[in-house]
Amino acid sequence: MVIESGDKFILVDPMLGERGTAGPPFTLFRFKPKRNLILDLPTNAMEIVRKTTHCLITHLHPS
């Protein structure tokens, strides 16, 4: 997610890998476990990253 405010671009909790490459797997009670990322990044992802002026990390992400 990106928050834009004037000339500031805040990237929130970035996960910038390819779909299914980040772990560990997670599940919602009724569904099979899936590895993050569950979707492909948008085609303009690197354009957004280059504009980023701040990055907000709200919680720990596994490595």
PDB file of N, CA and C in Angstrom:
ATOM      1  N   MET A   1       0.847  -1.159   0.000  1.00  0.00           N
ATOM      2  CA  MET A   1       0.000   0.000   0.000  1.00  0.00           C
ATOM      3  C   MET A   1       0.900   1.231   0.000  1.00  0.00           C
ATOM      4  N   VAL A   2       0.456   2.269  -0.689  1.00  0.00           N
ATOM      5  CA  VAL A   2       1.171   3.545  -0.731  1.00  0.00           C
ATOM      6  C   VAL A   2       0.209   4.645  -0.323  1.00  0.00           C
ATOM      7  N   ILE A   3       0.671   5.489   0.585  1.00  0.00           N
ATOM      8  CA  ILE A   3      -0.088   6.676   0.967  1.00  0.00           C
ATOM      9  C   ILE A   3       0.592   7.864   0.307  1.00  0.00           C
ATOM     10  N   GLU A   4      -0.156   8.627  -0.471  1.00  0.00           N
ATOM     11  CA  GLU A   4       0.380   9.812  -1.135  1.00  0.00           C
ATOM     12  C   GLU A   4      -0.195  11.045  -0.463  1.00  0.00           C
ATOM     13  N   SER A   5       0.690  11.980  -0.110  1.00  0.00           N
ATOM     14  CA  SER A   5       0.274  13.227   0.503  1.00  0.00           C
ATOM     15  C   SER A   5       1.206  14.327   0.011  1.00  0.00           C
ATOM     16  N   GLY A   6       0.702  15.155  -0.883  1.00  0.00           N
ATOM     17  CA  GLY A   6       1.545  16.185  -1.467  1.00  0.00           C
ATOM     18  C   GLY A   6       2.690  15.562  -2.222  1.00  0.00           C
ATOM     19  N   ASP A   7       3.915  15.893  -1.838  1.00  0.00           N
ATOM     20  CA  ASP A   7       5.091  15.323  -2.508  1.00  0.00           C
ATOM     21  C   ASP A   7       5.673  14.137  -1.741  1.00  0.00           C
ATOM     22  N   LYS A   8       4.958  13.625  -0.752  1.00  0.00           N
ATOM     23  CA  LYS A   8       5.416  12.483   0.053  1.00  0.00           C
ATOM     24  C   LYS A   8       4.723  11.201  -0.410  1.00  0.00           C
ATOM     25  N   PHE A   9       5.509  10.123  -0.514  1.00  0.00           N
ATOM     26  CA  PHE A   9       4.996   8.808  -0.882  1.00  0.00           C
ATOM     27  C   PHE A   9       5.436   7.830   0.193  1.00  0.00           C
ATOM     28  N   ILE A  10       4.479   7.323   0.970  1.00  0.00           N
ATOM     29  CA  ILE A  10       4.778   6.452   2.098  1.00  0.00           C
ATOM     30  C   ILE A  10       4.404   5.020   1.715  1.00  0.00           C
ATOM     31  N   LEU A  11       5.411   4.163   1.647  1.00  0.00           N
ATOM     32  CA  LEU A  11       5.213   2.760   1.343  1.00  0.00           C
ATOM     33  C   LEU A  11       4.965   2.037   2.662  1.00  0.00           C
ATOM     34  N   VAL A  12       3.835   1.346   2.771  1.00  0.00           N
ATOM     35  CA  VAL A  12       3.430   0.709   4.030  1.00  0.00           C
ATOM     36  C   VAL A  12       3.645  -0.802   3.931  1.00  0.00           C
ATOM     37  N   ASP A  13       4.404  -1.340   4.898  1.00  0.00           N
ATOM     38  CA  ASP A  13       4.658  -2.782   5.003  1.00  0.00           C
ATOM     39  C   ASP A  13       4.981  -3.431   3.655  1.00  0.00           C
ATOM     40  N   PRO A  14       6.068  -3.016   3.021  1.00  0.00           N
ATOM     41  CA  PRO A  14       6.363  -3.546   1.687  1.00  0.00           C
ATOM     42  C   PRO A  14       6.732  -5.033   1.706  1.00  0.00           C
ATOM     43  N   MET A  15       6.220  -5.738   0.738  1.00  0.00           N
ATOM     44  CA  MET A  15       6.619  -7.121   0.454  1.00  0.00           C
ATOM     45  C   MET A  15       6.837  -7.136  -1.051  1.00  0.00           C
ATOM     46  N   LEU A  16       8.092  -7.097  -1.468  1.00  0.00           N
ATOM     47  CA  LEU A  16       8.407  -6.824  -2.862  1.00  0.00           C
ATOM     48  C   LEU A  16       8.956  -8.017  -3.626  1.00  0.00           C
ATOM     49  N   GLY A  17       8.767  -9.208  -3.111  1.00  0.00           N
ATOM     50  CA  GLY A  17       9.250 -10.392  -3.812  1.00  0.00           C
ATOM     51  C   GLY A  17       8.253 -10.878  -4.845  1.00  0.00           C
ATOM     52  N   GLU A  18       8.617 -11.975  -5.511  1.00  0.00           N
ATOM     53  CA  GLU A  18       7.697 -12.595  -6.452  1.00  0.00           C
ATOM     54  C   GLU A  18       6.644 -13.404  -5.695  1.00  0.00           C
ATOM     55  N   ARG A  19       5.506 -13.586  -6.321  1.00  0.00           N
ATOM     56  CA  ARG A  19       4.396 -14.319  -5.701  1.00  0.00           C
ATOM     57  C   ARG A  19       4.861 -15.686  -5.220  1.00  0.00           C
ATOM     58  N   GLY A  20       4.520 -16.014  -3.967  1.00  0.00           N
ATOM     59  CA  GLY A  20       4.804 -17.322  -3.393  1.00  0.00           C
ATOM     60  C   GLY A  20       6.220 -17.540  -2.911  1.00  0.00           C
ATOM     61  N   THR A  21       7.061 -16.491  -2.890  1.00  0.00           N
ATOM     62  CA  THR A  21       8.458 -16.683  -2.513  1.00  0.00           C
ATOM     63  C   THR A  21       8.771 -16.328  -1.069  1.00  0.00           C
ATOM     64  N   ALA A  22       7.884 -15.644  -0.395  1.00  0.00           N
ATOM     65  CA  ALA A  22       8.142 -15.255   0.996  1.00  0.00           C
ATOM     66  C   ALA A  22       7.425 -16.221   1.932  1.00  0.00           C
ATOM     67  N   GLY A  23       8.039 -16.527   3.006  1.00  0.00           N
ATOM     68  CA  GLY A  23       7.433 -17.451   3.962  1.00  0.00           C
ATOM     69  C   GLY A  23       7.420 -16.820   5.322  1.00  0.00           C
ATOM     70  N   PRO A  24       6.994 -17.496   6.312  1.00  0.00           N
ATOM     71  CA  PRO A  24       6.438 -18.848   6.255  1.00  0.00           C
ATOM     72  C   PRO A  24       5.003 -18.823   5.749  1.00  0.00           C
ATOM     73  N   PRO A  25       4.445 -20.003   5.424  1.00  0.00           N
ATOM     74  CA  PRO A  25       3.061 -20.051   4.942  1.00  0.00           C
ATOM     75  C   PRO A  25       2.099 -19.544   6.008  1.00  0.00           C
ATOM     76  N   PHE A  26       0.986 -19.016   5.557  1.00  0.00           N
ATOM     77  CA  PHE A  26      -0.062 -18.613   6.486  1.00  0.00           C
ATOM     78  C   PHE A  26      -1.374 -19.203   6.000  1.00  0.00           C
ATOM     79  N   THR A  27      -2.354 -19.232   6.880  1.00  0.00           N
ATOM     80  CA  THR A  27      -3.658 -19.756   6.490  1.00  0.00           C
ATOM     81  C   THR A  27      -4.751 -19.004   7.242  1.00  0.00           C
ATOM     82  N   LEU A  28      -5.894 -18.950   6.625  1.00  0.00           N
ATOM     83  CA  LEU A  28      -7.106 -18.497   7.304  1.00  0.00           C
ATOM     84  C   LEU A  28      -7.893 -19.765   7.555  1.00  0.00           C
ATOM     85  N   PHE A  29      -8.510 -19.892   8.665  1.00  0.00           N
ATOM     86  CA  PHE A  29      -9.036 -21.139   9.210  1.00  0.00           C
ATOM     87  C   PHE A  29      -9.537 -22.158   8.198  1.00  0.00           C
ATOM     88  N   ARG A  30     -10.287 -21.771   7.205  1.00  0.00           N
ATOM     89  CA  ARG A  30     -10.897 -22.746   6.292  1.00  0.00           C
ATOM     90  C   ARG A  30     -10.110 -22.975   5.007  1.00  0.00           C
ATOM     91  N   PHE A  31      -8.986 -22.309   4.827  1.00  0.00           N
ATOM     92  CA  PHE A  31      -8.282 -22.355   3.556  1.00  0.00           C
ATOM     93  C   PHE A  31      -6.921 -23.030   3.677  1.00  0.00           C
ATOM     94  N   LYS A  32      -6.435 -23.585   2.565  1.00  0.00           N
ATOM     95  CA  LYS A  32      -5.120 -24.213   2.551  1.00  0.00           C
ATOM     96  C   LYS A  32      -4.043 -23.157   2.785  1.00  0.00           C
ATOM     97  N   PRO A  33      -2.929 -23.527   3.421  1.00  0.00           N
ATOM     98  CA  PRO A  33      -1.838 -22.570   3.630  1.00  0.00           C
ATOM     99  C   PRO A  33      -1.299 -22.038   2.300  1.00  0.00           C
ATOM    100  N   LYS A  34      -0.963 -20.755   2.286  1.00  0.00           N
ATOM    101  CA  LYS A  34      -0.371 -20.115   1.110  1.00  0.00           C
ATOM    102  C   LYS A  34       0.852 -19.340   1.556  1.00  0.00           C
ATOM    103  N   ARG A  35       1.823 -19.218   0.654  1.00  0.00           N
ATOM    104  CA  ARG A  35       3.010 -18.421   0.934  1.00  0.00           C
ATOM    105  C   ARG A  35       2.772 -17.005   0.401  1.00  0.00           C
ATOM    106  N   ASN A  36       3.250 -16.014   1.155  1.00  0.00           N
ATOM    107  CA  ASN A  36       3.219 -14.641   0.656  1.00  0.00           C
ATOM    108  C   ASN A  36       4.146 -14.533  -0.522  1.00  0.00           C
ATOM    109  N   LEU A  37       4.099 -13.730  -1.312  1.00  0.00           N
ATOM    110  CA  LEU A  37       2.977 -12.887  -1.660  1.00  0.00           C
ATOM    111  C   LEU A  37       1.927 -13.743  -2.358  1.00  0.00           C
ATOM    112  N   ILE A  38       0.661 -13.418  -2.146  1.00  0.00           N
ATOM    113  CA  ILE A  38      -0.386 -14.221  -2.759  1.00  0.00           C
ATOM    114  C   ILE A  38      -0.798 -13.672  -4.124  1.00  0.00           C
ATOM    115  N   LEU A  39      -0.325 -12.475  -4.468  1.00  0.00           N
ATOM    116  CA  LEU A  39      -0.602 -11.872  -5.773  1.00  0.00           C
ATOM    117  C   LEU A  39       0.701 -11.399  -6.398  1.00  0.00           C
ATOM    118  N   ASP A  40       0.717 -11.306  -7.726  1.00  0.00           N
ATOM    119  CA  ASP A  40       1.857 -10.706  -8.401  1.00  0.00           C
ATOM    120  C   ASP A  40       1.891  -9.220  -8.101  1.00  0.00           C
ATOM    121  N   LEU A  41       3.094  -8.652  -8.084  1.00  0.00           N
ATOM    122  CA  LEU A  41       3.217  -7.209  -7.918  1.00  0.00           C
ATOM    123  C   LEU A  41       2.661  -6.515  -9.156  1.00  0.00           C
ATOM    124  N   PRO A  42       2.140  -5.292  -8.998  1.00  0.00           N
ATOM    125  CA  PRO A  42       1.667  -4.569 -10.180  1.00  0.00           C
ATOM    126  C   PRO A  42       2.839  -4.246 -11.101  1.00  0.00           C
ATOM    127  N   THR A  43       2.555  -4.053 -12.365  1.00  0.00           N
ATOM    128  CA  THR A  43       3.613  -3.805 -13.337  1.00  0.00           C
ATOM    129  C   THR A  43       4.381  -2.520 -13.050  1.00  0.00           C
ATOM    130  N   ASN A  44       3.789  -1.586 -12.339  1.00  0.00           N
ATOM    131  CA  ASN A  44       4.459  -0.315 -12.024  1.00  0.00           C
ATOM    132  C   ASN A  44       5.077  -0.306 -10.625  1.00  0.00           C
ATOM    133  N   ALA A  45       5.317  -1.478 -10.039  1.00  0.00           N
ATOM    134  CA  ALA A  45       5.815  -1.558  -8.663  1.00  0.00           C
ATOM    135  C   ALA A  45       7.134  -0.810  -8.475  1.00  0.00           C
ATOM    136  N   MET A  46       8.090  -0.997  -9.377  1.00  0.00           N
ATOM    137  CA  MET A  46       9.389  -0.338  -9.199  1.00  0.00           C
ATOM    138  C   MET A  46       9.288   1.174  -9.386  1.00  0.00           C
ATOM    139  N   GLU A  47       8.384   1.623 -10.218  1.00  0.00           N
ATOM    140  CA  GLU A  47       8.140   3.065 -10.377  1.00  0.00           C
ATOM    141  C   GLU A  47       7.671   3.649  -9.043  1.00  0.00           C
ATOM    142  N   ILE A  48       6.789   2.937  -8.372  1.00  0.00           N
ATOM    143  CA  ILE A  48       6.284   3.377  -7.069  1.00  0.00           C
ATOM    144  C   ILE A  48       7.403   3.371  -6.037  1.00  0.00           C
ATOM    145  N   VAL A  49       8.216   2.314  -6.027  1.00  0.00           N
ATOM    146  CA  VAL A  49       9.323   2.232  -5.070  1.00  0.00           C
ATOM    147  C   VAL A  49      10.294   3.400  -5.269  1.00  0.00           C
ATOM    148  N   ARG A  50      10.582   3.738  -6.513  1.00  0.00           N
ATOM    149  CA  ARG A  50      11.511   4.850  -6.778  1.00  0.00           C
ATOM    150  C   ARG A  50      10.970   6.193  -6.284  1.00  0.00           C
ATOM    151  N   LYS A  51       9.651   6.358  -6.251  1.00  0.00           N
ATOM    152  CA  LYS A  51       9.043   7.610  -5.773  1.00  0.00           C
ATOM    153  C   LYS A  51       8.927   7.670  -4.251  1.00  0.00           C
ATOM    154  N   THR A  52       9.119   6.535  -3.584  1.00  0.00           N
ATOM    155  CA  THR A  52       8.913   6.458  -2.139  1.00  0.00           C
ATOM    156  C   THR A  52       9.854   7.399  -1.384  1.00  0.00           C
ATOM    157  N   THR A  53       9.276   8.194  -0.496  1.00  0.00           N
ATOM    158  CA  THR A  53      10.077   9.083   0.347  1.00  0.00           C
ATOM    159  C   THR A  53      10.163   8.565   1.777  1.00  0.00           C
ATOM    160  N   HIS A  54       9.214   7.725   2.184  1.00  0.00           N
ATOM    161  CA  HIS A  54       9.181   7.164   3.532  1.00  0.00           C
ATOM    162  C   HIS A  54       8.678   5.726   3.454  1.00  0.00           C
ATOM    163  N   CYS A  55       9.036   4.935   4.453  1.00  0.00           N
ATOM    164  CA  CYS A  55       8.561   3.565   4.536  1.00  0.00           C
ATOM    165  C   CYS A  55       8.059   3.337   5.964  1.00  0.00           C
ATOM    166  N   LEU A  56       6.838   2.858   6.078  1.00  0.00           N
ATOM    167  CA  LEU A  56       6.225   2.611   7.380  1.00  0.00           C
ATOM    168  C   LEU A  56       6.119   1.110   7.600  1.00  0.00           C
ATOM    169  N   ILE A  57       6.778   0.619   8.647  1.00  0.00           N
ATOM    170  CA  ILE A  57       6.716  -0.793   9.015  1.00  0.00           C
ATOM    171  C   ILE A  57       5.870  -0.885  10.280  1.00  0.00           C
ATOM    172  N   THR A  58       4.724  -1.555  10.181  1.00  0.00           N
ATOM    173  CA  THR A  58       3.797  -1.581  11.310  1.00  0.00           C
ATOM    174  C   THR A  58       3.986  -2.779  12.218  1.00  0.00           C
ATOM    175  N   HIS A  59       4.702  -3.790  11.758  1.00  0.00           N
ATOM    176  CA  HIS A  59       4.907  -4.994  12.553  1.00  0.00           C
ATOM    177  C   HIS A  59       6.063  -5.785  11.957  1.00  0.00           C
ATOM    178  N   LEU A  60       6.553  -6.758  12.697  1.00  0.00           N
ATOM    179  CA  LEU A  60       7.643  -7.590  12.204  1.00  0.00           C
ATOM    180  C   LEU A  60       7.186  -8.454  11.043  1.00  0.00           C
ATOM    181  N   HIS A  61       8.063  -8.599  10.065  1.00  0.00           N
ATOM    182  CA  HIS A  61       7.833  -9.516   8.955  1.00  0.00           C
ATOM    183  C   HIS A  61       8.884 -10.603   9.029  1.00  0.00           C
ATOM    184  N   PRO A  62       8.491 -11.861   8.842  1.00  0.00           N
ATOM    185  CA  PRO A  62       9.506 -12.915   8.865  1.00  0.00           C
ATOM    186  C   PRO A  62      10.459 -12.759   7.688  1.00  0.00           C
ATOM    187  N   SER A  63      11.694 -13.181   7.875  1.00  0.00           N
ATOM    188  CA  SER A  63      12.662 -13.076   6.778  1.00  0.00           C
ATOM    189  C   SER A  63      12.751 -14.358   5.989  1.00  0.00           C
TER     190      SER A  63
END
